[in-house]
């Protein structure tokens, strides 16, 4: 799992590439989000376009980082949730928990509208 970070107008964009299946990737993701929240970055987009498969560990990690961001007074949204990952979100009803957007640009537009 590779994580690419980009900051655009006080919004962190984390792009994941690879399958999200457990350690050590889940720890790396939690540490990255904790670091962003500690640095007072309250708006985070996770781009899942490079993730083809995710298991329960991956889902648990996303829920964990969502909680971390919310407890820090911020907001986390997902972009480019597709294929098998989208089906997993539908089956688990996590589509009701996470705000999801078709593209990173739409997710960024959401944050620009929610100043």
N, C-alpha and C. Protein backbone atom coordinates (compact mmCIF):
# COMPACT_ATOMS: atom_id res chain seq x y z
N UNK A 1 0.85 -1.19 0.00
CA UNK A 1 0.00 0.00 0.00
C UNK A 1 0.89 1.24 0.00
N UNK A 2 0.65 2.09 -0.97
CA UNK A 2 1.34 3.38 -1.03
C UNK A 2 0.34 4.47 -0.67
N UNK A 3 0.82 5.46 0.08
CA UNK A 3 -0.02 6.61 0.44
C UNK A 3 0.69 7.86 -0.06
N UNK A 4 0.00 8.59 -0.93
CA UNK A 4 0.53 9.85 -1.44
C UNK A 4 -0.26 10.98 -0.79
N UNK A 5 0.46 11.97 -0.26
CA UNK A 5 -0.20 13.09 0.41
C UNK A 5 0.00 14.37 -0.37
N UNK A 6 -1.08 15.14 -0.47
CA UNK A 6 -1.02 16.44 -1.13
C UNK A 6 -1.93 17.39 -0.33
N UNK A 7 -1.46 18.59 -0.09
CA UNK A 7 -2.27 19.59 0.60
C UNK A 7 -2.69 20.64 -0.42
N UNK A 8 -3.98 20.86 -0.50
CA UNK A 8 -4.52 21.83 -1.45
C UNK A 8 -5.53 22.71 -0.73
N UNK A 9 -5.18 23.98 -0.55
CA UNK A 9 -6.05 24.95 0.13
C UNK A 9 -6.54 24.42 1.47
N UNK A 10 -5.63 24.01 2.32
CA UNK A 10 -5.87 23.50 3.67
C UNK A 10 -6.67 22.19 3.72
N UNK A 11 -6.77 21.51 2.58
CA UNK A 11 -7.41 20.19 2.54
C UNK A 11 -6.33 19.17 2.20
N UNK A 12 -6.23 18.13 3.03
CA UNK A 12 -5.28 17.06 2.75
C UNK A 12 -5.94 16.03 1.84
N UNK A 13 -5.23 15.66 0.79
CA UNK A 13 -5.71 14.61 -0.12
C UNK A 13 -4.75 13.44 0.03
N UNK A 14 -5.28 12.33 0.52
CA UNK A 14 -4.49 11.11 0.66
C UNK A 14 -4.93 10.14 -0.43
N UNK A 15 -4.00 9.78 -1.30
CA UNK A 15 -4.30 8.85 -2.38
C UNK A 15 -3.69 7.50 -2.04
N UNK A 16 -4.55 6.50 -1.97
CA UNK A 16 -4.10 5.14 -1.64
C UNK A 16 -3.92 4.34 -2.92
N UNK A 17 -2.86 3.55 -2.97
CA UNK A 17 -2.63 2.66 -4.10
C UNK A 17 -2.25 1.29 -3.56
N UNK A 18 -3.04 0.28 -3.89
CA UNK A 18 -2.81 -1.07 -3.40
C UNK A 18 -4.05 -1.56 -2.65
N UNK A 19 -4.02 -2.81 -2.25
CA UNK A 19 -5.14 -3.37 -1.50
C UNK A 19 -5.01 -3.01 -0.03
N UNK A 20 -6.15 -2.77 0.60
CA UNK A 20 -6.18 -2.39 2.01
C UNK A 20 -6.63 -3.60 2.83
N UNK A 21 -5.63 -4.37 3.31
CA UNK A 21 -5.93 -5.67 3.91
C UNK A 21 -5.47 -5.84 5.35
N UNK A 22 -4.77 -4.92 5.91
CA UNK A 22 -4.32 -5.10 7.30
C UNK A 22 -2.93 -4.53 7.52
N UNK A 23 -2.26 -5.05 8.53
CA UNK A 23 -0.93 -4.57 8.90
C UNK A 23 0.08 -4.84 7.80
N UNK A 24 1.08 -3.99 7.62
CA UNK A 24 1.35 -2.75 8.36
C UNK A 24 0.63 -1.54 7.76
N UNK A 25 -0.12 -1.76 6.69
CA UNK A 25 -0.77 -0.64 5.98
C UNK A 25 -1.76 0.11 6.86
N UNK A 26 -2.54 -0.63 7.65
CA UNK A 26 -3.56 0.03 8.46
C UNK A 26 -2.93 0.94 9.51
N UNK A 27 -1.81 0.51 10.08
CA UNK A 27 -1.10 1.35 11.05
C UNK A 27 -0.56 2.61 10.37
N UNK A 28 -0.02 2.44 9.17
CA UNK A 28 0.53 3.58 8.42
C UNK A 28 -0.57 4.61 8.15
N UNK A 29 -1.76 4.15 7.81
CA UNK A 29 -2.88 5.06 7.52
C UNK A 29 -3.31 5.79 8.79
N UNK A 30 -3.47 5.04 9.89
CA UNK A 30 -3.87 5.68 11.15
C UNK A 30 -2.84 6.73 11.59
N UNK A 31 -1.56 6.39 11.48
CA UNK A 31 -0.50 7.34 11.87
C UNK A 31 -0.52 8.58 10.99
N UNK A 32 -0.74 8.41 9.70
CA UNK A 32 -0.78 9.55 8.77
C UNK A 32 -1.93 10.48 9.14
N UNK A 33 -3.11 9.93 9.39
CA UNK A 33 -4.28 10.77 9.72
C UNK A 33 -4.08 11.43 11.09
N UNK A 34 -3.57 10.71 12.07
CA UNK A 34 -3.29 11.32 13.38
C UNK A 34 -2.33 12.49 13.22
N UNK A 35 -1.31 12.33 12.38
CA UNK A 35 -0.34 13.39 12.14
C UNK A 35 -1.01 14.62 11.53
N UNK A 36 -1.89 14.40 10.57
CA UNK A 36 -2.60 15.53 9.94
C UNK A 36 -3.47 16.27 10.95
N UNK A 37 -4.21 15.52 11.75
CA UNK A 37 -5.08 16.14 12.75
C UNK A 37 -4.23 16.90 13.79
N UNK A 38 -3.10 16.32 14.17
CA UNK A 38 -2.19 16.99 15.11
C UNK A 38 -1.65 18.29 14.53
N UNK A 39 -1.47 18.31 13.20
CA UNK A 39 -0.99 19.51 12.52
C UNK A 39 -2.13 20.48 12.21
N UNK A 40 -3.29 20.22 12.80
CA UNK A 40 -4.47 21.08 12.66
C UNK A 40 -5.03 21.12 11.24
N UNK A 41 -4.84 20.04 10.51
CA UNK A 41 -5.48 19.92 9.19
C UNK A 41 -6.77 19.16 9.43
N UNK A 42 -7.89 19.86 9.26
CA UNK A 42 -9.19 19.34 9.68
C UNK A 42 -10.03 18.79 8.52
N UNK A 43 -9.57 19.01 7.30
CA UNK A 43 -10.34 18.55 6.14
C UNK A 43 -9.49 17.54 5.38
N UNK A 44 -10.01 16.32 5.25
CA UNK A 44 -9.24 15.25 4.62
C UNK A 44 -10.09 14.52 3.59
N UNK A 45 -9.50 14.34 2.41
CA UNK A 45 -10.11 13.53 1.35
C UNK A 45 -9.24 12.29 1.20
N UNK A 46 -9.87 11.12 1.23
CA UNK A 46 -9.16 9.88 0.94
C UNK A 46 -9.61 9.41 -0.43
N UNK A 47 -8.65 9.37 -1.35
CA UNK A 47 -8.90 8.95 -2.73
C UNK A 47 -8.63 7.45 -2.82
N UNK A 48 -9.70 6.70 -3.07
CA UNK A 48 -9.59 5.24 -3.12
C UNK A 48 -9.52 4.69 -4.55
N UNK A 49 -9.19 5.55 -5.51
CA UNK A 49 -9.17 5.11 -6.92
C UNK A 49 -8.15 3.99 -7.16
N UNK A 50 -7.09 3.93 -6.36
CA UNK A 50 -6.07 2.91 -6.55
C UNK A 50 -6.26 1.67 -5.70
N UNK A 51 -7.42 1.58 -5.02
CA UNK A 51 -7.70 0.43 -4.15
C UNK A 51 -8.71 -0.47 -4.84
N UNK A 52 -8.29 -1.70 -5.14
CA UNK A 52 -9.18 -2.65 -5.80
C UNK A 52 -9.89 -3.56 -4.82
N UNK A 53 -9.27 -3.79 -3.68
CA UNK A 53 -9.87 -4.70 -2.71
C UNK A 53 -9.58 -4.23 -1.29
N UNK A 54 -10.57 -4.45 -0.42
CA UNK A 54 -10.45 -4.06 0.98
C UNK A 54 -11.16 -5.12 1.81
N UNK A 55 -10.57 -5.49 2.94
CA UNK A 55 -11.23 -6.45 3.82
C UNK A 55 -11.73 -5.75 5.09
N UNK A 56 -12.14 -6.54 6.08
CA UNK A 56 -12.69 -5.95 7.31
C UNK A 56 -11.66 -5.10 8.05
N UNK A 57 -10.38 -5.47 7.97
CA UNK A 57 -9.33 -4.65 8.60
C UNK A 57 -9.27 -3.27 7.95
N UNK A 58 -9.35 -3.24 6.63
CA UNK A 58 -9.35 -1.98 5.90
C UNK A 58 -10.55 -1.13 6.25
N UNK A 59 -11.73 -1.75 6.32
CA UNK A 59 -12.94 -1.02 6.70
C UNK A 59 -12.82 -0.47 8.12
N UNK A 60 -12.31 -1.30 9.02
CA UNK A 60 -12.13 -0.86 10.41
C UNK A 60 -11.18 0.32 10.51
N UNK A 61 -10.15 0.31 9.69
CA UNK A 61 -9.19 1.42 9.69
C UNK A 61 -9.86 2.71 9.21
N UNK A 62 -10.66 2.61 8.15
CA UNK A 62 -11.36 3.81 7.67
C UNK A 62 -12.31 4.36 8.73
N UNK A 63 -13.01 3.47 9.43
CA UNK A 63 -13.90 3.91 10.50
C UNK A 63 -13.10 4.56 11.63
N UNK A 64 -11.96 3.98 11.96
CA UNK A 64 -11.09 4.52 13.00
C UNK A 64 -10.60 5.92 12.65
N UNK A 65 -10.14 6.11 11.41
CA UNK A 65 -9.63 7.44 11.04
C UNK A 65 -10.76 8.46 10.92
N UNK A 66 -11.96 8.00 10.52
CA UNK A 66 -13.11 8.90 10.49
C UNK A 66 -13.40 9.41 11.90
N UNK A 67 -13.37 8.51 12.88
CA UNK A 67 -13.60 8.87 14.28
C UNK A 67 -12.52 9.83 14.77
N UNK A 68 -11.28 9.56 14.44
CA UNK A 68 -10.16 10.43 14.83
C UNK A 68 -10.37 11.85 14.31
N UNK A 69 -10.72 11.95 13.04
CA UNK A 69 -10.91 13.27 12.41
C UNK A 69 -12.10 13.99 13.03
N UNK A 70 -13.21 13.28 13.21
CA UNK A 70 -14.40 13.91 13.81
C UNK A 70 -14.13 14.37 15.23
N UNK A 71 -13.44 13.52 16.01
CA UNK A 71 -13.10 13.90 17.39
C UNK A 71 -12.17 15.10 17.44
N UNK A 72 -11.39 15.29 16.38
CA UNK A 72 -10.50 16.45 16.28
C UNK A 72 -11.19 17.68 15.71
N UNK A 73 -12.50 17.58 15.50
CA UNK A 73 -13.26 18.72 14.99
C UNK A 73 -13.19 18.88 13.48
N UNK A 74 -12.79 17.82 12.79
CA UNK A 74 -12.64 17.90 11.34
C UNK A 74 -13.65 17.06 10.59
N UNK A 75 -13.40 16.93 9.30
CA UNK A 75 -14.29 16.17 8.43
C UNK A 75 -13.46 15.36 7.44
N UNK A 76 -13.85 14.11 7.24
CA UNK A 76 -13.18 13.22 6.31
C UNK A 76 -14.20 12.73 5.30
N UNK A 77 -13.82 12.79 4.02
CA UNK A 77 -14.68 12.28 2.96
C UNK A 77 -13.88 11.33 2.08
N UNK A 78 -14.59 10.49 1.36
CA UNK A 78 -13.96 9.53 0.45
C UNK A 78 -14.26 9.92 -0.99
N UNK A 79 -13.32 9.64 -1.87
CA UNK A 79 -13.51 9.91 -3.30
C UNK A 79 -13.12 8.67 -4.10
N UNK A 80 -13.72 8.54 -5.27
CA UNK A 80 -13.38 7.46 -6.20
C UNK A 80 -13.55 6.07 -5.58
N UNK A 81 -14.66 5.87 -4.89
CA UNK A 81 -14.94 4.54 -4.33
C UNK A 81 -15.63 3.74 -5.43
N UNK A 82 -14.94 2.72 -5.92
CA UNK A 82 -15.52 1.99 -7.05
C UNK A 82 -15.40 0.49 -6.92
N UNK A 83 -16.03 -0.19 -7.87
CA UNK A 83 -15.90 -1.64 -8.01
C UNK A 83 -16.24 -2.41 -6.76
N UNK A 84 -15.34 -3.33 -6.40
CA UNK A 84 -15.55 -4.22 -5.25
C UNK A 84 -15.63 -3.43 -3.95
N UNK A 85 -14.88 -2.35 -3.86
CA UNK A 85 -14.90 -1.54 -2.63
C UNK A 85 -16.27 -0.89 -2.47
N UNK A 86 -16.84 -0.38 -3.55
CA UNK A 86 -18.18 0.21 -3.50
C UNK A 86 -19.20 -0.84 -3.07
N UNK A 87 -19.11 -2.05 -3.60
CA UNK A 87 -20.03 -3.12 -3.21
C UNK A 87 -19.91 -3.42 -1.72
N UNK A 88 -18.69 -3.43 -1.21
CA UNK A 88 -18.44 -3.67 0.21
C UNK A 88 -19.10 -2.58 1.06
N UNK A 89 -19.00 -1.34 0.62
CA UNK A 89 -19.62 -0.23 1.34
C UNK A 89 -21.15 -0.35 1.33
N UNK A 90 -21.70 -0.82 0.23
CA UNK A 90 -23.15 -1.00 0.14
C UNK A 90 -23.61 -2.14 1.05
N UNK A 91 -22.92 -3.27 1.00
CA UNK A 91 -23.30 -4.44 1.81
C UNK A 91 -23.22 -4.13 3.30
N UNK A 92 -22.18 -3.43 3.71
CA UNK A 92 -21.97 -3.12 5.13
C UNK A 92 -22.74 -1.88 5.58
N UNK A 93 -23.42 -1.22 4.66
CA UNK A 93 -24.17 0.00 4.94
C UNK A 93 -23.28 1.18 5.34
N UNK A 94 -21.98 1.08 5.05
CA UNK A 94 -21.08 2.19 5.37
C UNK A 94 -21.29 3.39 4.46
N UNK A 95 -22.07 3.22 3.40
CA UNK A 95 -22.41 4.36 2.55
C UNK A 95 -23.21 5.39 3.34
N UNK A 96 -23.83 4.94 4.44
CA UNK A 96 -24.59 5.85 5.30
C UNK A 96 -23.69 6.57 6.31
N UNK A 97 -22.48 6.03 6.51
CA UNK A 97 -21.55 6.58 7.50
C UNK A 97 -20.59 7.58 6.87
N UNK A 98 -20.12 7.27 5.67
CA UNK A 98 -19.12 8.09 4.99
C UNK A 98 -19.76 8.96 3.92
N UNK A 99 -19.28 10.20 3.81
CA UNK A 99 -19.63 11.05 2.67
C UNK A 99 -18.70 10.62 1.53
N UNK A 100 -19.27 10.26 0.39
CA UNK A 100 -18.46 9.82 -0.74
C UNK A 100 -18.74 10.69 -1.96
N UNK A 101 -17.71 10.88 -2.76
CA UNK A 101 -17.80 11.69 -3.97
C UNK A 101 -17.19 10.93 -5.13
N UNK A 102 -17.70 11.20 -6.33
CA UNK A 102 -17.25 10.49 -7.53
C UNK A 102 -15.80 10.80 -7.85
N UNK A 103 -15.37 12.03 -7.57
CA UNK A 103 -14.00 12.44 -7.90
C UNK A 103 -13.41 13.25 -6.75
N UNK A 104 -12.10 13.40 -6.76
CA UNK A 104 -11.43 14.25 -5.78
C UNK A 104 -11.87 15.70 -5.95
N UNK A 105 -12.04 16.14 -7.19
CA UNK A 105 -12.47 17.52 -7.44
C UNK A 105 -13.82 17.82 -6.80
N UNK A 106 -14.74 16.86 -6.88
CA UNK A 106 -16.05 17.07 -6.25
C UNK A 106 -15.93 17.09 -4.73
N UNK A 107 -15.05 16.26 -4.19
CA UNK A 107 -14.82 16.27 -2.74
C UNK A 107 -14.24 17.61 -2.30
N UNK A 108 -13.29 18.13 -3.09
CA UNK A 108 -12.71 19.44 -2.79
C UNK A 108 -13.76 20.54 -2.88
N UNK A 109 -14.64 20.45 -3.86
CA UNK A 109 -15.72 21.43 -4.03
C UNK A 109 -16.64 21.41 -2.80
N UNK A 110 -16.85 20.23 -2.25
CA UNK A 110 -17.66 20.10 -1.02
C UNK A 110 -17.04 20.94 0.09
N UNK A 111 -15.72 20.83 0.27
CA UNK A 111 -15.05 21.57 1.34
C UNK A 111 -15.04 23.07 1.05
N UNK A 112 -14.94 23.46 -0.20
CA UNK A 112 -14.96 24.89 -0.53
C UNK A 112 -16.33 25.49 -0.21
N UNK A 113 -17.36 24.67 -0.39
CA UNK A 113 -18.73 25.13 -0.08
C UNK A 113 -19.04 25.13 1.40
N UNK A 114 -18.23 24.40 2.19
CA UNK A 114 -18.49 24.26 3.64
C UNK A 114 -17.46 25.01 4.46
N UNK A 115 -17.24 26.26 4.14
CA UNK A 115 -16.21 27.05 4.86
C UNK A 115 -16.69 27.45 6.23
